[in-house]
Each structure stands twice: as C-alpha cells, then as structure tokens.
Amino acid sequence: MSSRTRTRKVKTAAGVHTVRLPRQRGRRSQPFVVVVPEHPSLTREALGFVGRGLWMARHALAPTALALLALVVTGLLHVIAWWSALVLAPAALAPAVCFAVVQRSRPAQSSTLAWRIALAVFATLAFAWAALAAGFGPWAGALPLVWLLTLIVAQTAWLTVRRTH
C-alpha cells in the first residue's frame, strides 16, 4: 500500500474532539487538525463569573482583601510564634504618635481634624487587634466581632471616600 492511501494515526489528548480534513497534495503539505474544545461545566462557568466579578471590583474590595490577609497572618503568627504579639504591641501607639506629630507641624481644624482623629483611632484599633490576635488567636473572645466591625467600617469609609473624589 502506498503512503498516499494509507491513513496515519494522529495522537490526541483524551476528551479532545478532532475534525480531519482531507490530505493536501504537494511535497511539503502537512495534515491539518482542527481542535474543537469541550463545553465547560456549570461549576466552571459559575466560578468564572464570580472570579470576573471580583476582578472587576478589585479596587473597591481592597479593605476586605487586607482584612482577610490580616486575619490569616495573625492566625499564622499565633500558631508559629505567640510572642510576636509583644513585638506588635508597640505598633498600636504609632498612630497616636503620628497624629500628634502631624497636628503639631501642620495644625488643622474642622473636617481635616476630624478625619485625622478618626484615622488615628481606627489605625490604633487595627494595630491593637493585630497584636491581640497574634497573642491569643484571631478567634479568641470578642476578637472576631472587633475584626468584623472594623472591616465593615473600613469598607464603608473606603467606598464613601472613593465616590466623593
């Protein structure tokens, strides 16, 4: 049997459907294989939809991502090195010191002062939560409630400030 009439086996991956075109004439002709992909499952479609939605809203969800990261990191710190809370504890005073320095160098009144105070209190709360969560675990006592309330306030403030500017 000549090589022109003999069929050649082309190996394809499992689950790949192929359509074979007739062999082309000529010296340097190569056989074509058109690959038709399978339809994705409903689960894959749903995960893709959720993933695209989260990707489109990634800037709006920045506080949520940071809060989840803080929850995971403090949990790991608690498991690996509980004494890391002693290292993080002085960081809770940093926002108050920063507020005092900024207010002394550039005094502010009315809404600017209110924003500075709110940010200093919020940052102090966040750092204190991180120190306590690293020491006692993020799920100990009222720490999950403090985390959730801080997340809600941060996300709301983030969305409010982003819309007004």
N, C-alpha and C. Protein backbone atom coordinates (compact mmCIF):
# COMPACT_ATOMS: atom_id res chain seq x y z
N MET A 1 0.85 -1.17 0.00
CA MET A 1 0.00 0.00 0.00
C MET A 1 0.90 1.23 0.00
N SER A 2 0.58 2.18 -0.85
CA SER A 2 1.42 3.37 -0.95
C SER A 2 1.16 4.31 0.23
N SER A 3 2.09 5.22 0.43
CA SER A 3 1.95 6.15 1.53
C SER A 3 0.83 7.16 1.29
N ARG A 4 0.38 7.32 0.02
CA ARG A 4 -0.68 8.28 -0.29
C ARG A 4 -2.05 7.78 0.18
N THR A 5 -2.28 6.51 0.17
CA THR A 5 -3.59 5.99 0.52
C THR A 5 -3.69 5.50 1.95
N ARG A 6 -2.56 5.29 2.59
CA ARG A 6 -2.55 4.78 3.95
C ARG A 6 -2.92 5.90 4.93
N THR A 7 -3.79 5.62 5.90
CA THR A 7 -4.15 6.62 6.90
C THR A 7 -3.09 6.65 7.98
N ARG A 8 -2.84 7.83 8.47
CA ARG A 8 -1.84 7.98 9.53
C ARG A 8 -2.55 8.29 10.83
N LYS A 9 -2.10 7.67 11.89
CA LYS A 9 -2.70 7.90 13.20
C LYS A 9 -2.11 9.16 13.81
N VAL A 10 -2.99 10.08 14.22
CA VAL A 10 -2.55 11.28 14.92
C VAL A 10 -3.03 11.14 16.36
N LYS A 11 -2.10 11.20 17.28
CA LYS A 11 -2.46 11.05 18.68
C LYS A 11 -3.01 12.36 19.21
N THR A 12 -4.13 12.27 19.90
CA THR A 12 -4.75 13.45 20.52
C THR A 12 -5.00 13.15 21.98
N ALA A 13 -5.15 14.21 22.76
CA ALA A 13 -5.40 14.06 24.19
C ALA A 13 -6.80 13.50 24.42
N ALA A 14 -6.99 12.92 25.58
CA ALA A 14 -8.29 12.36 25.93
C ALA A 14 -9.31 13.48 26.04
N GLY A 15 -10.48 13.28 25.49
CA GLY A 15 -11.55 14.26 25.59
C GLY A 15 -11.48 15.34 24.52
N VAL A 16 -10.51 15.27 23.61
CA VAL A 16 -10.40 16.27 22.55
C VAL A 16 -11.08 15.70 21.31
N HIS A 17 -11.98 16.46 20.76
CA HIS A 17 -12.68 16.05 19.55
C HIS A 17 -11.97 16.69 18.37
N THR A 18 -11.65 15.91 17.35
CA THR A 18 -10.95 16.45 16.20
C THR A 18 -11.77 16.25 14.94
N VAL A 19 -11.55 17.14 14.00
CA VAL A 19 -12.14 17.03 12.67
C VAL A 19 -10.99 16.90 11.70
N ARG A 20 -10.98 15.86 10.91
CA ARG A 20 -9.88 15.64 9.98
C ARG A 20 -10.26 16.14 8.60
N LEU A 21 -9.37 16.92 8.03
CA LEU A 21 -9.55 17.42 6.67
C LEU A 21 -8.82 16.50 5.71
N PRO A 22 -9.26 16.44 4.46
CA PRO A 22 -8.55 15.56 3.50
C PRO A 22 -7.10 15.99 3.34
N ARG A 23 -6.29 15.03 3.03
CA ARG A 23 -4.85 15.28 2.89
C ARG A 23 -4.58 16.21 1.72
N GLN A 24 -3.67 17.14 1.94
CA GLN A 24 -3.33 18.10 0.90
C GLN A 24 -2.28 17.51 -0.04
N ARG A 25 -2.33 17.90 -1.29
CA ARG A 25 -1.36 17.42 -2.30
C ARG A 25 -0.12 18.29 -2.27
N GLY A 26 0.95 17.77 -2.67
CA GLY A 26 2.17 18.55 -2.77
C GLY A 26 3.27 17.97 -1.91
N ARG A 27 4.46 18.48 -2.12
CA ARG A 27 5.62 17.94 -1.44
C ARG A 27 5.68 18.29 0.04
N ARG A 28 5.40 19.53 0.37
CA ARG A 28 5.58 19.98 1.76
C ARG A 28 4.27 20.14 2.50
N SER A 29 3.28 19.52 2.09
CA SER A 29 1.98 19.69 2.74
C SER A 29 1.95 18.92 4.05
N GLN A 30 1.31 19.53 5.02
CA GLN A 30 1.17 18.93 6.35
C GLN A 30 -0.32 18.69 6.58
N PRO A 31 -0.68 17.62 7.29
CA PRO A 31 -2.11 17.43 7.59
C PRO A 31 -2.61 18.45 8.61
N PHE A 32 -3.85 18.88 8.47
CA PHE A 32 -4.46 19.82 9.42
C PHE A 32 -5.18 19.03 10.48
N VAL A 33 -5.26 19.58 11.67
CA VAL A 33 -6.14 19.06 12.70
C VAL A 33 -6.80 20.26 13.36
N VAL A 34 -8.12 20.35 13.29
CA VAL A 34 -8.86 21.43 13.92
C VAL A 34 -9.38 20.90 15.24
N VAL A 35 -9.02 21.55 16.32
CA VAL A 35 -9.41 21.10 17.65
C VAL A 35 -10.64 21.89 18.08
N VAL A 36 -11.68 21.18 18.45
CA VAL A 36 -12.92 21.80 18.93
C VAL A 36 -12.98 21.57 20.44
N PRO A 37 -12.93 22.64 21.23
CA PRO A 37 -12.91 22.44 22.69
C PRO A 37 -14.26 21.96 23.22
N GLU A 38 -14.20 21.28 24.35
CA GLU A 38 -15.43 20.85 25.01
C GLU A 38 -16.08 22.03 25.71
N HIS A 39 -17.34 21.90 25.99
CA HIS A 39 -18.04 22.95 26.73
C HIS A 39 -17.68 22.86 28.21
N PRO A 40 -17.41 24.01 28.86
CA PRO A 40 -17.07 23.96 30.28
C PRO A 40 -18.29 23.55 31.13
N SER A 41 -18.01 23.01 32.30
CA SER A 41 -19.09 22.59 33.18
C SER A 41 -19.78 23.82 33.79
N LEU A 42 -20.93 23.59 34.38
CA LEU A 42 -21.68 24.67 35.01
C LEU A 42 -20.91 25.25 36.21
N THR A 43 -20.22 24.39 36.93
CA THR A 43 -19.40 24.86 38.05
C THR A 43 -18.29 25.78 37.56
N ARG A 44 -17.64 25.39 36.47
CA ARG A 44 -16.57 26.21 35.89
C ARG A 44 -17.12 27.55 35.42
N GLU A 45 -18.30 27.54 34.82
CA GLU A 45 -18.92 28.80 34.37
C GLU A 45 -19.24 29.70 35.57
N ALA A 46 -19.78 29.13 36.64
CA ALA A 46 -20.14 29.91 37.83
C ALA A 46 -18.88 30.50 38.49
N LEU A 47 -17.84 29.68 38.62
CA LEU A 47 -16.59 30.18 39.21
C LEU A 47 -15.96 31.26 38.34
N GLY A 48 -16.06 31.11 37.03
CA GLY A 48 -15.55 32.14 36.13
C GLY A 48 -16.32 33.43 36.27
N PHE A 49 -17.63 33.34 36.42
CA PHE A 49 -18.48 34.53 36.60
C PHE A 49 -18.12 35.26 37.90
N VAL A 50 -17.98 34.50 38.99
CA VAL A 50 -17.62 35.10 40.28
C VAL A 50 -16.22 35.69 40.22
N GLY A 51 -15.29 34.97 39.62
CA GLY A 51 -13.92 35.46 39.50
C GLY A 51 -13.83 36.74 38.69
N ARG A 52 -14.57 36.80 37.57
CA ARG A 52 -14.57 38.04 36.76
C ARG A 52 -15.19 39.19 37.52
N GLY A 53 -16.23 38.91 38.30
CA GLY A 53 -16.85 39.97 39.10
C GLY A 53 -15.92 40.50 40.18
N LEU A 54 -15.21 39.59 40.84
CA LEU A 54 -14.25 40.02 41.87
C LEU A 54 -13.09 40.79 41.24
N TRP A 55 -12.66 40.36 40.06
CA TRP A 55 -11.56 41.06 39.39
C TRP A 55 -11.98 42.47 38.99
N MET A 56 -13.20 42.63 38.53
CA MET A 56 -13.68 43.96 38.13
C MET A 56 -13.83 44.88 39.34
N ALA A 57 -14.11 44.33 40.51
CA ALA A 57 -14.32 45.12 41.72
C ALA A 57 -13.10 45.09 42.64
N ARG A 58 -11.93 44.78 42.11
CA ARG A 58 -10.76 44.58 42.96
C ARG A 58 -10.35 45.85 43.70
N HIS A 59 -10.52 47.02 43.10
CA HIS A 59 -10.15 48.26 43.79
C HIS A 59 -11.15 48.59 44.89
N ALA A 60 -12.40 48.30 44.65
CA ALA A 60 -13.42 48.60 45.65
C ALA A 60 -13.34 47.66 46.85
N LEU A 61 -12.79 46.47 46.64
CA LEU A 61 -12.72 45.47 47.72
C LEU A 61 -11.35 45.42 48.39
N ALA A 62 -10.53 46.44 48.22
CA ALA A 62 -9.19 46.45 48.83
C ALA A 62 -9.21 46.30 50.35
N PRO A 63 -10.08 47.02 51.09
CA PRO A 63 -10.10 46.81 52.55
C PRO A 63 -10.48 45.39 52.96
N THR A 64 -11.36 44.77 52.23
CA THR A 64 -11.75 43.39 52.54
C THR A 64 -10.57 42.45 52.33
N ALA A 65 -9.84 42.64 51.24
CA ALA A 65 -8.66 41.80 50.99
C ALA A 65 -7.62 41.99 52.08
N LEU A 66 -7.38 43.23 52.49
CA LEU A 66 -6.41 43.48 53.56
C LEU A 66 -6.87 42.88 54.89
N ALA A 67 -8.16 42.96 55.18
CA ALA A 67 -8.68 42.38 56.42
C ALA A 67 -8.53 40.86 56.42
N LEU A 68 -8.82 40.23 55.30
CA LEU A 68 -8.65 38.78 55.22
C LEU A 68 -7.18 38.39 55.33
N LEU A 69 -6.31 39.18 54.72
CA LEU A 69 -4.88 38.93 54.84
C LEU A 69 -4.42 39.08 56.29
N ALA A 70 -4.91 40.11 56.98
CA ALA A 70 -4.56 40.31 58.39
C ALA A 70 -5.05 39.14 59.25
N LEU A 71 -6.24 38.63 58.95
CA LEU A 71 -6.78 37.50 59.70
C LEU A 71 -5.89 36.27 59.53
N VAL A 72 -5.48 35.99 58.31
CA VAL A 72 -4.64 34.82 58.04
C VAL A 72 -3.26 34.99 58.66
N VAL A 73 -2.66 36.18 58.50
CA VAL A 73 -1.31 36.41 59.02
C VAL A 73 -1.28 36.33 60.54
N THR A 74 -2.27 36.94 61.21
CA THR A 74 -2.28 36.87 62.67
C THR A 74 -2.54 35.44 63.16
N GLY A 75 -3.34 34.70 62.42
CA GLY A 75 -3.54 33.29 62.77
C GLY A 75 -2.25 32.50 62.67
N LEU A 76 -1.50 32.73 61.59
CA LEU A 76 -0.21 32.05 61.44
C LEU A 76 0.78 32.50 62.51
N LEU A 77 0.80 33.79 62.80
CA LEU A 77 1.69 34.28 63.86
C LEU A 77 1.35 33.65 65.21
N HIS A 78 0.06 33.50 65.48
CA HIS A 78 -0.36 32.89 66.74
C HIS A 78 0.11 31.44 66.82
N VAL A 79 -0.01 30.72 65.72
CA VAL A 79 0.38 29.31 65.72
C VAL A 79 1.90 29.16 65.77
N ILE A 80 2.61 29.97 65.00
CA ILE A 80 4.06 29.81 64.88
C ILE A 80 4.80 30.46 66.05
N ALA A 81 4.45 31.72 66.37
CA ALA A 81 5.19 32.45 67.40
C ALA A 81 4.23 33.36 68.16
N TRP A 82 3.71 32.88 69.28
CA TRP A 82 2.74 33.67 70.04
C TRP A 82 3.37 34.96 70.57
N TRP A 83 4.70 34.94 70.78
CA TRP A 83 5.39 36.09 71.34
C TRP A 83 5.45 37.26 70.36
N SER A 84 5.04 37.04 69.11
CA SER A 84 5.03 38.14 68.13
C SER A 84 4.06 39.24 68.56
N ALA A 85 3.11 38.92 69.43
CA ALA A 85 2.20 39.93 69.96
C ALA A 85 2.97 40.98 70.74
N LEU A 86 4.02 40.57 71.42
CA LEU A 86 4.84 41.52 72.18
C LEU A 86 5.61 42.46 71.25
N VAL A 87 5.91 42.00 70.06
CA VAL A 87 6.58 42.84 69.07
C VAL A 87 5.58 43.79 68.41
N LEU A 88 4.35 43.32 68.20
CA LEU A 88 3.32 44.14 67.54
C LEU A 88 2.66 45.15 68.48
N ALA A 89 2.70 44.92 69.76
CA ALA A 89 2.01 45.79 70.71
C ALA A 89 2.46 47.25 70.64
N PRO A 90 3.74 47.56 70.54
CA PRO A 90 4.13 48.97 70.44
C PRO A 90 3.62 49.65 69.17
N ALA A 91 3.31 48.88 68.13
CA ALA A 91 2.79 49.46 66.89
C ALA A 91 1.42 50.10 67.11
N ALA A 92 0.71 49.69 68.15
CA ALA A 92 -0.61 50.28 68.43
C ALA A 92 -0.48 51.74 68.87
N LEU A 93 0.68 52.12 69.36
CA LEU A 93 0.88 53.52 69.76
C LEU A 93 1.34 54.40 68.60
N ALA A 94 1.80 53.82 67.53
CA ALA A 94 2.33 54.58 66.40
C ALA A 94 1.32 55.56 65.79
N PRO A 95 0.06 55.20 65.60
CA PRO A 95 -0.88 56.17 65.03
C PRO A 95 -1.10 57.39 65.91
N ALA A 96 -1.12 57.21 67.22
CA ALA A 96 -1.29 58.35 68.13
C ALA A 96 -0.09 59.28 68.07
N VAL A 97 1.10 58.69 68.01
CA VAL A 97 2.32 59.49 67.91
C VAL A 97 2.35 60.23 66.57
N CYS A 98 1.99 59.54 65.51
CA CYS A 98 1.95 60.16 64.18
C CYS A 98 0.94 61.30 64.15
N PHE A 99 -0.23 61.10 64.75
CA PHE A 99 -1.24 62.16 64.81
C PHE A 99 -0.70 63.38 65.55
N ALA A 100 -0.05 63.16 66.66
CA ALA A 100 0.50 64.28 67.44
C ALA A 100 1.56 65.04 66.65
N VAL A 101 2.43 64.32 65.96
CA VAL A 101 3.49 64.98 65.18
C VAL A 101 2.90 65.78 64.03
N VAL A 102 1.97 65.19 63.30
CA VAL A 102 1.36 65.88 62.16
C VAL A 102 0.55 67.08 62.63
N GLN A 103 -0.20 66.91 63.68
CA GLN A 103 -1.03 68.01 64.18
C GLN A 103 -0.16 69.16 64.69
N ARG A 104 1.00 68.84 65.23
CA ARG A 104 1.89 69.90 65.72
C ARG A 104 2.57 70.62 64.56
N SER A 105 2.98 69.88 63.54
CA SER A 105 3.68 70.51 62.42
C SER A 105 2.73 71.21 61.45
N ARG A 106 1.55 70.66 61.26
CA ARG A 106 0.54 71.26 60.38
C ARG A 106 -0.81 71.24 61.07
N PRO A 107 -1.10 72.22 61.88
CA PRO A 107 -2.37 72.24 62.61
C PRO A 107 -3.56 72.27 61.65
N ALA A 108 -4.60 71.58 62.04
CA ALA A 108 -5.81 71.51 61.21
C ALA A 108 -7.03 71.79 62.06
N GLN A 109 -8.08 72.26 61.40
CA GLN A 109 -9.37 72.49 62.06
C GLN A 109 -10.47 71.77 61.29
N SER A 110 -11.61 71.74 61.87
CA SER A 110 -12.88 71.24 61.32
C SER A 110 -12.76 69.83 60.73
N SER A 111 -13.11 69.67 59.47
CA SER A 111 -13.23 68.33 58.91
C SER A 111 -11.87 67.63 58.79
N THR A 112 -10.81 68.37 58.51
CA THR A 112 -9.49 67.75 58.42
C THR A 112 -9.08 67.18 59.77
N LEU A 113 -9.33 67.91 60.83
CA LEU A 113 -9.02 67.42 62.18
C LEU A 113 -9.86 66.19 62.52
N ALA A 114 -11.12 66.23 62.13
CA ALA A 114 -12.00 65.07 62.38
C ALA A 114 -11.50 63.84 61.64
N TRP A 115 -11.08 63.99 60.38
CA TRP A 115 -10.55 62.87 59.62
C TRP A 115 -9.27 62.34 60.24
N ARG A 116 -8.40 63.25 60.68
CA ARG A 116 -7.15 62.81 61.30
C ARG A 116 -7.42 62.01 62.58
N ILE A 117 -8.34 62.51 63.40
CA ILE A 117 -8.67 61.81 64.64
C ILE A 117 -9.28 60.44 64.33
N ALA A 118 -10.20 60.41 63.38
CA ALA A 118 -10.85 59.14 63.02
C ALA A 118 -9.83 58.14 62.50
N LEU A 119 -8.92 58.58 61.65
CA LEU A 119 -7.91 57.67 61.13
C LEU A 119 -6.95 57.19 62.21
N ALA A 120 -6.59 58.07 63.13
CA ALA A 120 -5.70 57.67 64.22
C ALA A 120 -6.37 56.63 65.12
N VAL A 121 -7.64 56.86 65.45
CA VAL A 121 -8.38 55.91 66.29
C VAL A 121 -8.54 54.58 65.57
N PHE A 122 -8.89 54.65 64.29
CA PHE A 122 -9.09 53.43 63.51
C PHE A 122 -7.78 52.63 63.38
N ALA A 123 -6.68 53.31 63.08
CA ALA A 123 -5.40 52.62 62.95
C ALA A 123 -4.95 52.04 64.29
N THR A 124 -5.19 52.76 65.38
CA THR A 124 -4.86 52.24 66.71
C THR A 124 -5.65 50.98 67.00
N LEU A 125 -6.94 51.00 66.67
CA LEU A 125 -7.78 49.81 66.86
C LEU A 125 -7.28 48.64 66.02
N ALA A 126 -6.91 48.90 64.78
CA ALA A 126 -6.44 47.83 63.90
C ALA A 126 -5.13 47.23 64.41
N PHE A 127 -4.19 48.05 64.81
CA PHE A 127 -2.92 47.53 65.32
C PHE A 127 -3.10 46.81 66.66
N ALA A 128 -3.97 47.32 67.51
CA ALA A 128 -4.24 46.65 68.78
C ALA A 128 -4.89 45.29 68.53
N TRP A 129 -5.81 45.24 67.57
CA TRP A 129 -6.44 43.96 67.22
C TRP A 129 -5.39 42.98 66.72
N ALA A 130 -4.47 43.45 65.86
CA ALA A 130 -3.44 42.57 65.31
C ALA A 130 -2.55 42.00 66.42
N ALA A 131 -2.19 42.85 67.37
CA ALA A 131 -1.35 42.38 68.48
C ALA A 131 -2.10 41.35 69.34
N LEU A 132 -3.35 41.65 69.66
CA LEU A 132 -4.13 40.70 70.47
C LEU A 132 -4.40 39.40 69.71
N ALA A 133 -4.69 39.51 68.41
CA ALA A 133 -4.96 38.31 67.62
C ALA A 133 -3.71 37.45 67.48
N ALA A 134 -2.55 38.07 67.36
CA ALA A 134 -1.31 37.30 67.27
C ALA A 134 -1.01 36.61 68.60
N GLY A 135 -1.39 37.25 69.70
CA GLY A 135 -1.12 36.67 71.02
C GLY A 135 -2.11 35.61 71.43
N PHE A 136 -3.39 35.88 71.26
CA PHE A 136 -4.43 34.97 71.74
C PHE A 136 -5.13 34.17 70.65
N GLY A 137 -4.87 34.50 69.40
CA GLY A 137 -5.53 33.84 68.28
C GLY A 137 -6.66 34.72 67.76
N PRO A 138 -6.86 34.77 66.45
CA PRO A 138 -7.86 35.67 65.88
C PRO A 138 -9.30 35.28 66.22
N TRP A 139 -9.53 34.07 66.71
CA TRP A 139 -10.90 33.65 67.02
C TRP A 139 -11.18 33.63 68.52
N ALA A 140 -10.32 34.23 69.31
CA ALA A 140 -10.48 34.22 70.77
C ALA A 140 -11.38 35.36 71.23
N GLY A 141 -12.32 35.03 72.10
CA GLY A 141 -13.16 36.04 72.74
C GLY A 141 -13.92 36.91 71.74
N ALA A 142 -13.81 38.22 71.93
CA ALA A 142 -14.54 39.17 71.09
C ALA A 142 -13.72 39.63 69.88
N LEU A 143 -12.56 39.06 69.66
CA LEU A 143 -11.72 39.49 68.54
C LEU A 143 -12.37 39.31 67.17
N PRO A 144 -13.13 38.23 66.92
CA PRO A 144 -13.80 38.15 65.61
C PRO A 144 -14.83 39.26 65.40
N LEU A 145 -15.54 39.63 66.45
CA LEU A 145 -16.51 40.71 66.34
C LEU A 145 -15.82 42.05 66.08
N VAL A 146 -14.73 42.30 66.76
CA VAL A 146 -13.96 43.53 66.53
C VAL A 146 -13.44 43.55 65.10
N TRP A 147 -12.93 42.41 64.62
CA TRP A 147 -12.45 42.31 63.24
C TRP A 147 -13.56 42.60 62.24
N LEU A 148 -14.72 42.01 62.47
CA LEU A 148 -15.84 42.22 61.55
C LEU A 148 -16.31 43.67 61.55
N LEU A 149 -16.46 44.27 62.72
CA LEU A 149 -16.89 45.67 62.78
C LEU A 149 -15.85 46.60 62.14
N THR A 150 -14.58 46.32 62.37
CA THR A 150 -13.52 47.12 61.75
C THR A 150 -13.56 46.97 60.23
N LEU A 151 -13.79 45.75 59.76
CA LEU A 151 -13.90 45.52 58.32
C LEU A 151 -15.07 46.29 57.73
N ILE A 152 -16.22 46.27 58.39
CA ILE A 152 -17.40 46.97 57.88
C ILE A 152 -17.16 48.47 57.84
N VAL A 153 -16.57 49.01 58.89
CA VAL A 153 -16.28 50.46 58.91
C VAL A 153 -15.27 50.83 57.83
N ALA A 154 -14.22 50.05 57.70
CA ALA A 154 -13.18 50.35 56.70
C ALA A 154 -13.75 50.27 55.28
N GLN A 155 -14.53 49.23 55.01
CA GLN A 155 -15.10 49.06 53.67
C GLN A 155 -16.08 50.18 53.35
N THR A 156 -16.91 50.56 54.32
CA THR A 156 -17.87 51.64 54.11
C THR A 156 -17.16 52.97 53.89
N ALA A 157 -16.16 53.26 54.71
CA ALA A 157 -15.41 54.51 54.55
C ALA A 157 -14.68 54.52 53.21
N TRP A 158 -14.12 53.39 52.81
CA TRP A 158 -13.40 53.31 51.54
C TRP A 158 -14.32 53.59 50.36
N LEU A 159 -15.49 52.99 50.37
CA LEU A 159 -16.44 53.20 49.27
C LEU A 159 -16.97 54.62 49.27
N THR A 160 -17.19 55.19 50.46
CA THR A 160 -17.69 56.57 50.56
C THR A 160 -16.65 57.56 50.06
N VAL A 161 -15.41 57.42 50.49
CA VAL A 161 -14.36 58.35 50.08
C VAL A 161 -14.07 58.23 48.60
N ARG A 162 -14.08 57.02 48.07
CA ARG A 162 -13.80 56.82 46.65
C ARG A 162 -14.88 57.43 45.78
N ARG A 163 -16.14 57.45 46.21
CA ARG A 163 -17.22 58.03 45.39
C ARG A 163 -17.20 59.54 45.41
N THR A 164 -16.76 60.13 46.51
CA THR A 164 -16.81 61.58 46.61
C THR A 164 -15.65 62.24 45.91
N HIS A 165 -14.60 61.50 45.61
CA HIS A 165 -13.44 62.13 44.96
C HIS A 165 -13.40 61.80 43.52
